[in-house]
Amino acid sequence: MIVPEKDYRELKAKADARPARKTRRLTAQDKGDIAEAKRRENESARPYAELRKELGLE
């Protein structure tokens, strides 16, 4: 879509005039989830088939 330069400048001015959107603060739960994900990052995953055998589901 092609926008006339005048309209573009008006839209740009409106966008620049708006306050920057604030990012939400992390909750204690978010921080805990991030820490847990970092701890588990290097763990090896168990194959699903192996787990099913171990539980006697196969």
C-alpha atoms as a PDB file:
ATOM      1  CA  MET A   1       0.000   0.000   0.000  1.00  0.00           C
ATOM      2  CA  ILE A   2       1.289   3.412  -0.890  1.00  0.00           C
ATOM      3  CA  VAL A   3       0.575   6.205   1.578  1.00  0.00           C
ATOM      4  CA  PRO A   4       0.773   9.874   0.616  1.00  0.00           C
ATOM      5  CA  GLU A   5       3.748  11.594   2.220  1.00  0.00           C
ATOM      6  CA  LYS A   6       1.511  13.987   4.171  1.00  0.00           C
ATOM      7  CA  ASP A   7      -0.391  11.062   5.742  1.00  0.00           C
ATOM      8  CA  TYR A   8       2.871   9.259   6.478  1.00  0.00           C
ATOM      9  CA  ARG A   9       4.265  12.278   8.295  1.00  0.00           C
ATOM     10  CA  GLU A  10       1.061  12.658  10.345  1.00  0.00           C
ATOM     11  CA  LEU A  11       1.089   8.993  11.322  1.00  0.00           C
ATOM     12  CA  LYS A  12       4.803   9.153  12.157  1.00  0.00           C
ATOM     13  CA  ALA A  13       4.260  12.229  14.341  1.00  0.00           C
ATOM     14  CA  LYS A  14       1.439  10.472  16.220  1.00  0.00           C
ATOM     15  CA  ALA A  15       3.579   7.377  16.780  1.00  0.00           C
ATOM     16  CA  ASP A  16       6.521   9.437  17.988  1.00  0.00           C
ATOM     17  CA  ALA A  17       4.283  11.438  20.369  1.00  0.00           C
ATOM     18  CA  ARG A  18       3.002   8.322  22.147  1.00  0.00           C
ATOM     19  CA  PRO A  19       4.860   7.272  25.273  1.00  0.00           C
ATOM     20  CA  ALA A  20       6.935   4.142  24.868  1.00  0.00           C
ATOM     21  CA  ARG A  21       5.120   0.983  25.855  1.00  0.00           C
ATOM     22  CA  LYS A  22       6.342  -0.287  29.178  1.00  0.00           C
ATOM     23  CA  THR A  23       7.301  -3.906  29.497  1.00  0.00           C
ATOM     24  CA  ARG A  24       5.594  -5.776  32.279  1.00  0.00           C
ATOM     25  CA  ARG A  25       7.569  -6.544  35.391  1.00  0.00           C
ATOM     26  CA  LEU A  26       8.526 -10.103  36.105  1.00  0.00           C
ATOM     27  CA  THR A  27       6.656 -11.704  38.968  1.00  0.00           C
ATOM     28  CA  ALA A  28       8.279 -14.002  41.497  1.00  0.00           C
ATOM     29  CA  GLN A  29       6.710 -16.921  39.604  1.00  0.00           C
ATOM     30  CA  ASP A  30       8.265 -15.716  36.323  1.00  0.00           C
ATOM     31  CA  LYS A  31      11.686 -15.407  37.954  1.00  0.00           C
ATOM     32  CA  GLY A  32      11.367 -18.902  39.418  1.00  0.00           C
ATOM     33  CA  ASP A  33      10.325 -20.334  36.038  1.00  0.00           C
ATOM     34  CA  ILE A  34      13.309 -18.697  34.330  1.00  0.00           C
ATOM     35  CA  ALA A  35      15.704 -20.023  36.966  1.00  0.00           C
ATOM     36  CA  GLU A  36      14.251 -23.541  36.625  1.00  0.00           C
ATOM     37  CA  ALA A  37      14.543 -23.423  32.838  1.00  0.00           C
ATOM     38  CA  LYS A  38      18.193 -22.365  33.109  1.00  0.00           C
ATOM     39  CA  ARG A  39      18.916 -25.208  35.550  1.00  0.00           C
ATOM     40  CA  ARG A  40      17.309 -27.772  33.250  1.00  0.00           C
ATOM     41  CA  GLU A  41      18.856 -26.367  30.074  1.00  0.00           C
ATOM     42  CA  ASN A  42      21.726 -28.861  29.974  1.00  0.00           C
ATOM     43  CA  GLU A  43      19.884 -31.924  31.273  1.00  0.00           C
ATOM     44  CA  SER A  44      19.568 -34.803  28.879  1.00  0.00           C
ATOM     45  CA  ALA A  45      16.046 -35.706  27.881  1.00  0.00           C
ATOM     46  CA  ARG A  46      14.746 -39.257  28.251  1.00  0.00           C
ATOM     47  CA  PRO A  47      13.178 -40.806  25.182  1.00  0.00           C
ATOM     48  CA  TYR A  48       9.414 -41.184  25.528  1.00  0.00           C
ATOM     49  CA  ALA A  49       9.535 -44.838  24.422  1.00  0.00           C
ATOM     50  CA  GLU A  50      12.028 -45.624  27.201  1.00  0.00           C
ATOM     51  CA  LEU A  51       9.777 -44.030  29.799  1.00  0.00           C
ATOM     52  CA  ARG A  52       6.733 -45.957  28.546  1.00  0.00           C
ATOM     53  CA  LYS A  53       8.654 -49.248  28.843  1.00  0.00           C
ATOM     54  CA  GLU A  54       9.825 -48.352  32.341  1.00  0.00           C
ATOM     55  CA  LEU A  55       6.238 -47.649  33.406  1.00  0.00           C
ATOM     56  CA  GLY A  56       5.003 -50.859  31.797  1.00  0.00           C
ATOM     57  CA  LEU A  57       2.801 -49.088  29.269  1.00  0.00           C
ATOM     58  CA  GLU A  58       4.171 -50.919  26.214  1.00  0.00           C
END
